[in-house]
Protein backbone atom coordinates (compact mmCIF):
# COMPACT_ATOMS: atom_id res chain seq x y z
CA MET A 1 93.47 -222.53 64.03
CA ILE A 2 90.00 -221.42 65.10
CA GLU A 3 88.85 -223.43 68.12
CA ASN A 4 85.16 -223.46 69.02
CA PRO A 5 83.65 -222.10 71.09
CA ILE A 6 85.54 -218.85 70.58
CA LEU A 7 83.88 -217.51 73.75
CA PRO A 8 83.37 -220.45 76.13
CA GLY A 9 80.81 -220.10 78.88
CA CYS A 10 77.58 -218.14 79.01
CA TYR A 11 78.01 -215.73 76.08
CA PRO A 12 74.81 -216.24 74.04
CA ASP A 13 73.20 -214.22 71.23
CA PRO A 14 76.52 -212.97 69.80
CA SER A 15 76.74 -209.96 67.51
CA ILE A 16 79.84 -208.94 65.57
CA VAL A 17 81.10 -205.96 63.58
CA ARG A 18 84.33 -205.27 61.67
CA VAL A 19 85.94 -201.83 61.65
CA LYS A 20 88.90 -201.85 59.25
CA ASP A 21 91.19 -204.58 60.66
CA ASP A 22 89.47 -204.91 64.02
CA PHE A 23 86.57 -207.14 65.05
CA TYR A 24 84.26 -206.43 67.98
CA LEU A 25 81.84 -208.93 69.51
CA ILE A 26 79.17 -208.63 72.20
CA SER A 27 76.66 -210.98 73.84
CA SER A 28 73.64 -211.10 76.13
CA SER A 29 74.28 -210.61 79.86
CA PHE A 30 70.79 -210.94 81.42
CA SER A 31 70.68 -209.71 85.04
CA PHE A 32 74.41 -209.76 85.65
CA PHE A 33 76.15 -206.41 86.13
CA PRO A 34 78.02 -204.86 84.39
CA GLY A 35 76.13 -205.71 81.22
CA ILE A 36 77.04 -206.60 77.62
CA PRO A 37 80.69 -207.66 77.67
CA ILE A 38 82.58 -206.45 74.59
CA PHE A 39 85.50 -208.33 73.04
CA HIS A 40 88.15 -207.41 70.47
CA SER A 41 90.07 -209.55 67.99
CA LYS A 42 92.42 -209.11 65.05
CA ASN A 43 92.08 -212.64 63.69
CA LEU A 44 88.73 -214.14 64.85
CA VAL A 45 90.79 -216.66 66.87
CA ASN A 46 91.91 -214.79 69.98
CA TRP A 47 89.39 -212.60 71.76
CA GLU A 48 90.13 -210.16 74.59
CA GLN A 49 87.51 -208.47 76.71
CA ILE A 50 88.05 -204.71 76.49
CA GLY A 51 85.08 -203.50 78.47
CA ASN A 52 81.41 -203.73 79.34
CA VAL A 53 78.94 -201.61 77.41
CA LEU A 54 76.60 -201.06 80.36
CA ASP A 55 78.85 -200.37 83.35
CA ARG A 56 76.93 -197.65 85.21
CA LYS A 57 73.94 -198.03 87.49
CA SER A 58 72.11 -195.33 85.54
CA GLN A 59 72.29 -197.44 82.37
CA LEU A 60 71.21 -200.74 83.84
CA PRO A 61 68.50 -200.98 86.53
CA LEU A 62 68.37 -204.68 87.44
CA THR A 63 67.30 -206.90 90.30
CA TYR A 64 69.04 -210.09 91.32
CA GLU A 65 65.81 -212.05 91.78
CA MET A 66 65.30 -212.39 88.00
CA ILE A 67 68.66 -213.68 86.78
CA SER A 68 67.28 -214.66 83.36
CA GLY A 69 65.69 -211.23 82.91
CA GLY A 70 67.65 -208.12 82.03
CA ILE A 71 69.61 -207.77 78.80
CA PHE A 72 68.55 -209.88 75.81
CA ALA A 73 70.25 -210.17 72.41
CA PRO A 74 72.25 -206.97 71.81
CA THR A 75 73.42 -205.95 68.33
CA ILE A 76 76.59 -203.96 67.63
CA ARG A 77 77.05 -201.84 64.51
CA TYR A 78 79.42 -199.06 63.34
CA HIS A 79 78.66 -196.06 61.14
CA ASP A 80 80.52 -192.80 60.44
CA GLY A 81 82.87 -193.06 63.41
CA ILE A 82 80.26 -194.11 65.96
CA PHE A 83 79.61 -197.52 67.53
CA TYR A 84 75.98 -198.36 68.20
CA VAL A 85 74.66 -201.06 70.53
CA ILE A 86 70.92 -201.71 70.53
CA THR A 87 69.30 -204.15 72.92
CA THR A 88 66.36 -205.11 75.12
CA ASN A 89 66.10 -204.87 78.90
CA VAL A 90 63.11 -207.14 79.45
CA THR A 91 62.70 -206.07 83.09
CA MET A 92 62.46 -202.35 82.25
CA GLN A 93 59.42 -200.49 80.97
CA GLY A 94 60.26 -199.02 77.57
CA ASN A 95 62.64 -201.88 77.15
CA ASN A 96 64.40 -201.34 73.78
CA PHE A 97 67.20 -198.79 73.75
CA ILE A 98 70.43 -197.66 72.06
CA VAL A 99 73.78 -196.60 73.49
CA THR A 100 76.64 -195.08 71.50
CA ALA A 101 80.39 -194.61 71.80
CA LYS A 102 83.29 -193.35 69.72
CA ASP A 103 85.63 -195.81 71.43
CA PRO A 104 84.35 -199.39 71.93
CA LYS A 105 86.21 -199.50 75.24
CA GLY A 106 83.86 -196.76 76.41
CA PRO A 107 82.54 -194.68 77.87
CA TRP A 108 79.17 -195.52 76.35
CA SER A 109 76.30 -193.05 76.45
CA GLU A 110 73.31 -193.15 78.71
CA ILE A 111 70.48 -195.25 77.30
CA ASN A 112 68.22 -193.82 74.60
CA VAL A 113 64.83 -195.55 74.81
CA ILE A 114 63.16 -196.17 71.43
CA HIS A 115 59.53 -195.31 72.08
CA GLY A 116 56.99 -197.34 70.15
CA ALA A 117 59.44 -200.19 69.59
CA ASP A 118 57.81 -203.23 71.13
CA GLY A 119 59.06 -206.81 71.10
CA ILE A 120 62.61 -208.01 71.68
CA ASP A 121 65.88 -208.60 69.79
CA PRO A 122 66.26 -205.21 68.06
CA SER A 123 68.90 -204.68 65.37
CA LEU A 124 70.21 -201.77 63.29
CA PHE A 125 71.01 -201.63 59.58
CA PHE A 126 72.70 -198.76 57.72
CA ASP A 127 71.89 -198.52 54.01
CA ASP A 128 74.15 -197.13 51.31
CA ASP A 129 72.28 -193.82 51.32
CA GLY A 130 72.99 -193.31 55.03
CA LYS A 131 69.49 -194.13 56.21
CA ALA A 132 69.23 -196.32 59.30
CA TYR A 133 66.63 -199.02 59.90
CA TYR A 134 65.36 -200.71 63.05
CA THR A 135 64.29 -204.35 62.94
CA GLY A 136 62.70 -206.28 65.77
CA THR A 137 60.00 -208.74 66.73
CA THR A 138 56.32 -208.03 67.24
CA GLY A 139 55.14 -207.62 70.82
CA PHE A 140 53.55 -210.19 73.07
CA GLY A 141 49.99 -210.98 72.05
CA GLU A 142 50.59 -210.13 68.39
CA GLU A 143 51.12 -212.53 65.52
CA PRO A 144 54.85 -213.40 65.69
CA ARG A 145 56.63 -211.61 62.86
CA ILE A 146 59.68 -209.48 62.10
CA TRP A 147 59.03 -205.78 61.55
CA CYS A 148 61.09 -202.86 60.30
CA SER A 149 61.02 -199.08 60.46
CA GLU A 150 63.37 -196.30 59.53
CA ILE A 151 64.97 -194.70 62.58
CA ASP A 152 66.40 -191.21 63.04
CA LEU A 153 69.54 -191.70 65.10
CA GLU A 154 69.80 -187.98 65.85
CA THR A 155 66.50 -188.00 67.72
CA MET A 156 66.47 -191.76 68.44
CA LYS A 157 62.91 -191.95 67.13
CA LEU A 158 61.20 -194.27 64.66
CA VAL A 159 60.07 -192.44 61.53
CA GLY A 160 57.81 -193.31 58.64
CA GLU A 161 55.98 -196.54 58.01
CA ARG A 162 56.36 -199.60 60.19
CA LYS A 163 56.37 -202.63 57.89
CA LEU A 164 55.95 -206.32 58.71
CA LEU A 165 58.71 -208.10 56.79
CA TRP A 166 58.54 -211.83 57.40
CA SER A 167 56.93 -214.46 59.60
CA GLY A 168 59.75 -216.95 59.11
CA ALA A 169 60.36 -220.06 57.03
CA LEU A 170 59.47 -222.91 59.38
CA LYS A 171 56.01 -224.33 60.02
CA ASN A 172 54.91 -225.18 63.56
CA ALA A 173 58.10 -223.60 64.93
CA ALA A 174 58.49 -221.18 67.80
CA SER A 175 58.39 -217.46 67.10
CA PRO A 176 60.84 -215.80 64.69
CA GLU A 177 63.43 -213.69 66.51
CA GLY A 178 66.97 -212.32 66.37
CA PRO A 179 66.62 -210.44 63.05
CA HIS A 180 69.58 -208.90 61.22
CA LEU A 181 69.60 -207.07 57.88
CA TYR A 182 72.52 -207.12 55.44
CA LYS A 183 73.09 -205.88 51.88
CA LYS A 184 75.10 -207.79 49.29
CA ASP A 185 75.20 -207.51 45.49
CA GLY A 186 72.04 -205.42 45.35
CA TRP A 187 70.01 -207.74 47.59
CA TYR A 188 68.77 -207.08 51.12
CA TYR A 189 69.05 -210.18 53.29
CA LEU A 190 66.98 -210.72 56.44
CA MET A 191 68.45 -213.45 58.66
CA ILE A 192 66.52 -214.63 61.72
CA SER A 193 66.31 -217.48 64.22
CA GLU A 194 63.35 -219.81 64.69
CA GLY A 195 62.37 -222.85 66.73
CA GLY A 196 63.16 -221.45 70.17
CA THR A 197 66.56 -221.24 71.78
CA GLU A 198 66.80 -224.90 72.82
CA HIS A 199 67.12 -228.12 70.80
CA PHE A 200 65.03 -227.03 67.78
CA HIS A 201 66.90 -223.76 67.29
CA ALA A 202 67.59 -222.87 63.64
CA ILE A 203 68.78 -219.98 61.46
CA THR A 204 66.79 -219.04 58.36
CA ILE A 205 67.16 -216.33 55.72
CA SER A 206 65.16 -214.40 53.14
CA ARG A 207 65.95 -211.64 50.65
CA SER A 208 64.41 -208.72 48.80
CA LYS A 209 65.38 -206.04 46.30
CA GLU A 210 63.84 -203.42 48.60
CA VAL A 211 64.73 -202.90 52.24
CA MET A 212 61.04 -202.89 53.19
CA GLY A 213 60.27 -206.03 51.20
CA GLU A 214 58.66 -208.17 49.95
CA TYR A 215 61.04 -210.81 51.35
CA GLU A 216 61.34 -214.24 49.75
CA GLY A 217 62.54 -217.14 51.88
CA TYR A 218 65.44 -219.32 50.76
CA LYS A 219 64.31 -222.72 49.49
CA GLY A 220 67.21 -224.33 51.35
CA ASN A 221 66.14 -223.05 54.79
CA PRO A 222 67.24 -223.50 57.49
CA ILE A 223 70.80 -222.49 56.61
CA LEU A 224 72.05 -223.79 59.97
CA THR A 225 70.66 -226.05 62.69
CA HIS A 226 71.77 -229.03 64.78
CA ARG A 227 68.29 -230.24 65.66
CA HIS A 228 68.55 -233.15 63.22
CA LEU A 229 71.80 -234.44 64.79
CA GLY A 230 70.11 -235.80 67.91
CA LYS A 231 70.46 -235.06 71.60
CA ASN A 232 73.77 -236.88 71.94
CA TYR A 233 75.63 -234.67 69.47
CA PRO A 234 78.27 -232.70 71.43
CA ILE A 235 77.12 -229.28 70.15
CA CYS A 236 73.41 -228.47 70.37
CA ASN A 237 70.96 -225.53 70.44
CA VAL A 238 72.75 -223.85 67.51
CA GLY A 239 71.13 -220.59 66.39
CA HIS A 240 70.94 -216.79 66.70
CA GLY A 241 73.66 -215.84 64.24
CA ASP A 242 75.27 -212.67 62.91
CA LEU A 243 77.31 -212.32 59.71
CA VAL A 244 80.52 -210.37 59.14
CA GLU A 245 82.44 -209.70 55.92
CA LEU A 246 86.23 -209.63 56.04
CA ALA A 247 88.37 -207.13 54.15
CA ASN A 248 89.25 -209.78 51.55
CA GLY A 249 85.59 -210.44 50.77
CA SER A 250 85.24 -213.69 52.71
CA TRP A 251 82.44 -214.13 55.25
CA TYR A 252 81.98 -215.66 58.69
CA MET A 253 79.04 -216.19 61.02
CA VAL A 254 78.99 -216.14 64.81
CA MET A 255 76.19 -217.98 66.59
CA LEU A 256 75.25 -219.48 69.92
CA GLY A 257 75.46 -223.16 70.78
CA SER A 258 75.81 -225.39 73.82
CA ARG A 259 78.30 -228.12 74.66
CA LEU A 260 76.86 -231.17 76.37
CA MET A 261 78.33 -232.85 79.43
CA GLY A 262 77.37 -236.06 81.19
CA GLY A 263 74.33 -236.62 78.99
CA TYR A 264 71.93 -233.91 77.92
CA HIS A 265 73.17 -231.32 80.42
CA LYS A 266 74.14 -227.79 79.38
CA ILE A 267 75.74 -226.44 82.55
CA LEU A 268 77.92 -223.95 80.67
CA GLY A 269 74.88 -222.37 79.07
CA ARG A 270 74.85 -221.06 75.50
CA GLU A 271 78.30 -220.18 74.17
CA THR A 272 79.66 -218.27 71.15
CA PHE A 273 80.78 -220.30 68.13
CA ILE A 274 81.98 -219.26 64.66
CA THR A 275 81.88 -220.81 61.17
CA PRO A 276 83.08 -219.78 57.71
CA VAL A 277 80.42 -218.86 55.15
CA ILE A 278 80.49 -218.93 51.35
CA TRP A 279 77.89 -217.64 48.90
CA GLU A 280 76.37 -219.72 46.12
CA ASP A 281 73.63 -218.58 43.74
CA GLY A 282 72.99 -215.54 45.89
CA TRP A 283 72.55 -217.39 49.20
CA PRO A 284 74.89 -218.10 52.16
CA ILE A 285 76.23 -221.62 52.71
CA VAL A 286 77.27 -222.06 56.34
CA SER A 287 80.21 -224.34 57.19
CA TYR A 288 80.63 -225.44 53.58
CA GLY A 289 81.03 -229.20 53.12
CA THR A 290 79.54 -230.29 56.45
CA GLY A 291 76.66 -227.90 57.13
CA LYS A 292 77.24 -228.03 60.89
CA VAL A 293 79.36 -226.22 63.45
CA GLU A 294 82.76 -227.88 63.82
CA PHE A 295 85.10 -227.65 66.79
CA THR A 296 87.99 -226.43 64.61
CA TYR A 297 88.49 -224.51 61.37
CA PRO A 298 91.62 -223.26 59.57
CA ASN A 299 92.78 -219.75 60.35
CA PRO A 300 91.04 -217.12 58.22
CA THR A 301 93.03 -216.14 55.14
CA ASP A 302 94.86 -212.79 55.24
CA LEU A 303 94.41 -212.30 58.98
CA PRO A 304 97.38 -212.25 61.39
CA VAL A 305 98.21 -215.54 63.08
CA GLY A 306 99.05 -215.42 66.77
CA PRO A 307 99.47 -217.89 69.62
CA LYS A 308 96.33 -219.20 71.27
CA LYS A 309 95.46 -217.08 74.29
CA THR A 310 95.93 -218.79 77.63
CA GLU A 311 92.79 -220.22 79.21
CA GLU A 312 94.00 -219.89 82.79
CA PHE A 313 92.63 -217.09 84.94
CA PHE A 314 94.27 -215.57 88.02
CA ASP A 315 93.33 -212.44 89.93
CA ASP A 316 95.50 -211.27 92.81
CA PHE A 317 93.27 -208.23 93.39
CA ASN A 318 96.20 -205.83 93.16
CA ASP A 319 94.51 -203.54 90.64
CA GLU A 320 92.55 -200.56 91.87
CA LYS A 321 89.37 -201.64 90.07
CA ILE A 322 87.52 -204.94 89.96
CA GLY A 323 88.41 -206.79 86.74
CA LEU A 324 86.24 -206.83 83.64
CA GLN A 325 85.49 -210.57 83.94
CA TRP A 326 83.71 -210.24 87.27
CA ASN A 327 79.95 -209.75 87.57
CA TYR A 328 77.48 -208.89 90.30
CA LEU A 329 74.01 -210.40 90.68
CA GLY A 330 71.84 -207.49 89.63
CA THR A 331 72.78 -203.84 89.89
CA PRO A 332 74.99 -203.10 92.94
CA TYR A 333 72.80 -200.38 94.43
CA GLU A 334 74.92 -200.70 97.57
CA ASP A 335 78.72 -200.49 97.43
CA PHE A 336 79.47 -203.82 99.09
CA ALA A 337 82.58 -204.82 97.10
CA ASP A 338 85.92 -203.08 96.66
CA ILE A 339 89.65 -203.74 96.41
CA LYS A 340 92.06 -202.48 99.05
CA ASP A 341 95.56 -203.52 100.09
CA GLY A 342 95.60 -206.39 97.60
CA HIS A 343 92.33 -207.92 98.77
CA LEU A 344 88.83 -208.17 97.37
CA ARG A 345 86.62 -207.09 100.26
CA LEU A 346 83.00 -208.24 100.37
CA LYS A 347 80.70 -206.76 102.96
CA LEU A 348 78.48 -209.29 104.70
CA LEU A 349 74.91 -208.40 103.76
CA GLN A 350 71.68 -209.71 105.26
CA LYS A 351 70.41 -210.74 101.84
CA GLN A 352 71.49 -214.32 101.16
CA VAL A 353 72.44 -215.90 97.83
CA THR A 354 69.29 -218.02 98.17
CA PRO A 355 66.43 -215.46 98.49
CA TRP A 356 64.45 -216.95 101.36
CA GLU A 357 62.25 -213.86 101.42
CA LEU A 358 60.61 -215.20 98.23
CA GLN A 359 59.74 -218.51 99.86
CA GLY A 360 56.14 -219.53 99.22
CA LEU A 361 55.28 -216.70 96.84
CA SER A 362 52.95 -217.29 93.91
CA ALA A 363 53.56 -215.66 90.53
CA ASP A 364 51.30 -212.67 91.25
CA MET A 365 52.79 -212.25 94.73
CA MET A 366 56.26 -212.33 93.17
CA GLU A 367 55.25 -209.57 90.77
CA ARG A 368 53.99 -207.39 93.63
CA TYR A 369 57.22 -208.00 95.52
CA GLN A 370 59.28 -206.94 92.52
CA LYS A 371 57.35 -203.66 92.36
CA SER A 372 57.70 -202.99 96.08
CA GLY A 373 61.18 -201.46 95.91
CA LYS A 374 62.67 -204.17 98.12
CA THR A 375 64.35 -205.65 95.08
CA LYS A 376 67.07 -203.00 95.30
CA ASP A 377 68.49 -204.91 98.23
CA CYS A 378 71.80 -206.47 97.18
CA VAL A 379 73.35 -209.86 97.61
CA SER A 380 77.08 -209.85 98.34
CA PHE A 381 78.31 -211.91 95.39
CA ILE A 382 80.92 -211.49 92.69
CA GLY A 383 81.54 -214.20 90.11
CA LYS A 384 82.74 -215.20 86.67
CA ARG A 385 81.43 -217.67 84.12
CA GLN A 386 82.29 -221.35 84.27
CA GLN A 387 83.95 -221.83 80.88
CA HIS A 388 85.15 -225.42 80.74
CA LEU A 389 83.73 -228.91 81.16
CA LYS A 390 86.44 -229.61 83.72
CA PHE A 391 88.23 -227.06 85.89
CA GLU A 392 89.87 -226.35 89.25
CA ALA A 393 89.20 -223.12 91.14
CA ILE A 394 90.95 -222.05 94.35
CA THR A 395 90.72 -218.97 96.53
CA LYS A 396 92.58 -217.75 99.59
CA MET A 397 90.30 -215.98 102.05
CA ILE A 398 90.53 -214.37 105.48
CA PHE A 399 87.41 -214.80 107.57
CA LYS A 400 86.42 -215.45 111.16
CA PRO A 401 82.70 -216.27 111.13
CA GLU A 402 80.30 -215.59 113.94
CA GLN A 403 76.92 -217.21 114.38
CA GLU A 404 74.66 -216.79 111.32
CA GLU A 405 77.53 -215.55 109.14
CA THR A 406 78.70 -217.44 106.06
CA ALA A 407 81.12 -216.81 103.20
CA GLY A 408 82.91 -218.85 100.58
CA LEU A 409 82.67 -220.11 97.00
CA VAL A 410 79.49 -220.89 95.10
CA MET A 411 78.58 -222.60 91.84
CA LEU A 412 75.53 -220.59 90.87
CA GLN A 413 73.06 -221.10 88.05
CA ASN A 414 70.31 -218.95 89.53
CA ASN A 415 68.80 -218.05 92.90
CA ALA A 416 67.45 -221.55 93.41
CA HIS A 417 70.10 -223.82 91.88
CA GLN A 418 73.50 -223.68 93.55
CA LEU A 419 76.35 -225.64 95.07
CA ARG A 420 78.03 -223.72 97.89
CA LEU A 421 81.29 -224.31 99.73
CA GLU A 422 80.71 -222.11 102.75
CA VAL A 423 82.54 -221.22 105.92
CA PHE A 424 80.44 -220.93 109.10
CA GLN A 425 80.64 -221.17 112.89
CA ASN A 426 79.18 -224.24 114.56
CA ASN A 427 77.37 -224.28 117.89
CA ALA A 428 80.66 -224.87 119.71
CA GLY A 429 82.10 -221.65 118.27
CA ASN A 430 84.52 -223.39 115.90
CA THR A 431 85.18 -222.45 112.26
CA CYS A 432 83.80 -225.10 109.91
CA VAL A 433 83.30 -225.61 106.17
CA ARG A 434 80.36 -227.41 104.57
CA CYS A 435 78.96 -228.18 101.13
CA ILE A 436 75.38 -227.07 100.47
CA THR A 437 73.10 -228.10 97.61
CA ALA A 438 70.31 -225.59 96.97
CA ASP A 439 67.38 -226.10 94.62
CA SER A 440 63.65 -225.37 94.47
CA TYR A 441 60.27 -226.89 93.75
CA VAL A 442 56.73 -225.67 93.03
CA GLU A 443 53.78 -226.79 95.12
CA ASN A 444 50.24 -225.45 94.73
CA LYS A 445 51.61 -222.88 92.27
CA LYS A 446 53.97 -221.49 94.90
CA LEU A 447 57.76 -221.49 94.81
CA TYR A 448 59.74 -223.09 97.62
CA TYR A 449 63.49 -223.29 98.24
CA ARG A 450 65.30 -226.13 99.93
CA GLU A 451 68.88 -226.77 100.95
CA SER A 452 70.77 -229.83 102.10
CA SER A 453 74.20 -230.10 103.69
CA HIS A 454 76.39 -232.94 102.44
CA ASN A 455 79.17 -232.75 104.99
CA ALA A 456 80.95 -230.36 107.35
CA ILE A 457 84.54 -230.33 108.57
CA GLU A 458 86.22 -228.27 111.26
CA ILE A 459 89.15 -226.01 110.28
CA ASN A 460 91.88 -225.03 112.75
CA ASN A 461 92.96 -221.59 111.52
CA SER A 462 92.80 -219.72 114.79
CA LEU A 463 96.18 -218.00 114.29
CA ASP A 464 95.43 -215.88 111.21
CA ASN A 465 91.89 -216.82 110.07
CA VAL A 466 93.27 -217.82 106.64
CA LEU A 467 91.40 -220.49 104.69
CA PHE A 468 91.82 -222.02 101.27
CA LEU A 469 88.76 -223.24 99.38
CA LYS A 470 88.83 -225.35 96.23
CA ILE A 471 86.18 -226.59 93.79
CA VAL A 472 87.02 -229.20 91.15
CA SER A 473 84.59 -229.93 88.30
CA ASP A 474 84.54 -233.14 86.28
CA GLU A 475 81.66 -232.41 83.90
CA THR A 476 78.52 -232.92 86.02
CA LYS A 477 80.42 -233.93 89.18
CA TYR A 478 81.78 -231.33 91.59
CA SER A 479 84.20 -231.91 94.48
CA PHE A 480 84.91 -229.54 97.36
CA TYR A 481 88.01 -229.08 99.51
CA ALA A 482 89.12 -226.72 102.29
CA GLY A 483 91.93 -226.15 104.74
CA ALA A 484 94.28 -223.73 106.47
CA ASP A 485 97.13 -224.96 104.25
CA GLU A 486 96.82 -224.78 100.45
CA LYS A 487 98.97 -227.89 100.01
CA ASN A 488 97.03 -229.99 102.50
CA MET A 489 93.35 -229.30 102.03
CA ALA A 490 90.84 -231.77 103.42
CA THR A 491 87.94 -233.22 101.48
CA VAL A 492 84.58 -231.66 102.32
CA SER A 493 82.49 -233.53 99.74
CA GLU A 494 83.35 -235.32 96.51
CA ASN A 495 81.52 -236.12 93.29
CA ILE A 496 78.38 -234.16 94.13
CA ASP A 497 75.90 -234.28 91.26
CA GLY A 498 75.72 -230.83 89.69
CA SER A 499 73.66 -231.74 86.63
CA PHE A 500 70.78 -229.67 88.04
CA LEU A 501 72.86 -226.56 87.26
CA GLY A 502 71.94 -227.00 83.59
CA SER A 503 69.10 -224.92 82.18
CA GLU A 504 67.16 -228.04 81.18
CA THR A 505 66.60 -228.55 84.94
CA ALA A 506 67.02 -225.06 86.39
CA GLY A 507 65.19 -223.24 83.60
CA GLY A 508 66.12 -219.80 82.37
CA PHE A 509 68.72 -218.71 79.85
CA VAL A 510 72.04 -218.51 81.70
CA GLY A 511 74.96 -220.83 82.35
CA ALA A 512 76.78 -221.57 85.59
CA TYR A 513 78.91 -218.99 87.38
CA ILE A 514 81.59 -219.56 90.00
CA GLY A 515 82.06 -216.83 92.53
CA MET A 516 82.62 -215.57 96.04
CA PHE A 517 79.95 -214.49 98.49
CA GLY A 518 79.34 -213.35 102.05
CA SER A 519 76.21 -213.01 104.15
CA GLY A 520 75.25 -212.26 107.72
CA VAL A 521 71.63 -212.58 108.68
CA SER A 522 72.11 -210.84 112.02
CA GLU A 523 72.12 -207.06 112.43
CA PRO A 524 74.46 -205.24 109.99
CA LYS A 525 77.95 -204.79 111.41
CA ASN A 526 79.81 -203.64 108.27
CA LYS A 527 81.88 -206.79 108.62
CA GLN A 528 83.84 -207.92 105.57
CA VAL A 529 85.31 -211.13 104.25
CA LEU A 530 88.66 -210.71 102.49
CA PHE A 531 89.79 -212.66 99.43
CA ASP A 532 93.53 -212.50 98.73
CA TRP A 533 93.44 -214.17 95.30
CA PHE A 534 91.35 -216.38 93.03
CA SER A 535 92.55 -218.85 90.39
CA TYR A 536 90.63 -220.78 87.74
CA ASN A 537 92.35 -223.39 85.57
CA PRO A 538 90.83 -225.73 82.98
CA ILE A 539 91.58 -229.44 83.27
CA HIS A 540 92.27 -231.11 79.93
């Protein structure tokens, strides 16, 4: 049985391709590094991450201050033995580029910038005659439309006429975006998203007999939306889809959506869902019979059936490399994290998870700061996506803090919206653990950060400096525990409101992460905090 979401957690803007009996799926990754996680499946039910498309610093120049910047809406396609991923890095000048690989596990090429390709959300289409076409959105300041041009993938240059294809189907809706071209039964289909990526998100479609148009919109548009179901419906924000045809001629669509928790809160961000598609009278019918994304569907016909993959996650840090699921905040210009002797080792860096150096900056001052070169400073953080409405996460760490040093676990939505369970030294020189809520506010057009401590407890671990930290989530409520003994952890704080971790409060485009961090605001000492293992288990 297909269970939605097929990729829980912050995996928005999905794109899918089939190569013989194998399916590959990618998603946006914003300013997390490595970028563009890539998944493989044989049956559209079980998905395994096999790599990250952008896993080298040379491919992905990012800064951690702009978490919702970076990589937007990648598309994956396959042609003549080569995989292509095309995407936008919104924080890079010359921001649309292509990378290629013969093996989807990598290595992927260095980026090939497509000069003259403005806008966002680029896609590739290969026609029957072998010609390739680039589709994207018009740039900022232009009338919002979808445009197309032939592209030479040998030189990675646009060639020939640039043609405006479609301005969308919906009146008074946000800009058309996320275009994909397909060909079926002699028709070219242009599928896009409209209405913005929040509650009014929708997928619409048009078709033409010629790849460059004219395109005629479907009278039944939108072909998928949940905007009419109200803000209490458990799946919302549905949009940004991509179609795939199976070997037996059946069709499916992947798209983003959000699960609600504790009211209209989308802490997990935008996740990847899937629906079956049929064709009637030359047009796609999504989720036939209901017209909305369901939580379950029957297994696809003629695909292998296998057991549902386990949802638990455990990392004992015994591999030589950091696992594929882990991400940094921005590009790790400094090598602050490694694995040695069965431990994840994080160097304490002066840069804190909350960027106090941005305190009181206006928008123009922020822009000047970002161009100053200081943004290559790193924050010592490594995390993975929160993927369930309810979960329990535990880590075993070894750390003896000194004054102005902290380390621990953090629930992170962005720089300004966090819940931290952090180890520190109090004024008496004792090791303590506290829960910190961090958020921000704007006053006189300037950004300010603020933090509040809910509680602090003293930990007696003087013999070996071992601590256990635990975070338990019950939808919008988070509880925090710590101790020198895993079986007897003390309560630090319980039922802390974490609803502000949702994008409707925090802003931006990402979902919550849970991770480990370390910082020392005193002079650098190359001191490290060690993490022996990390576990994450959903609570059903």
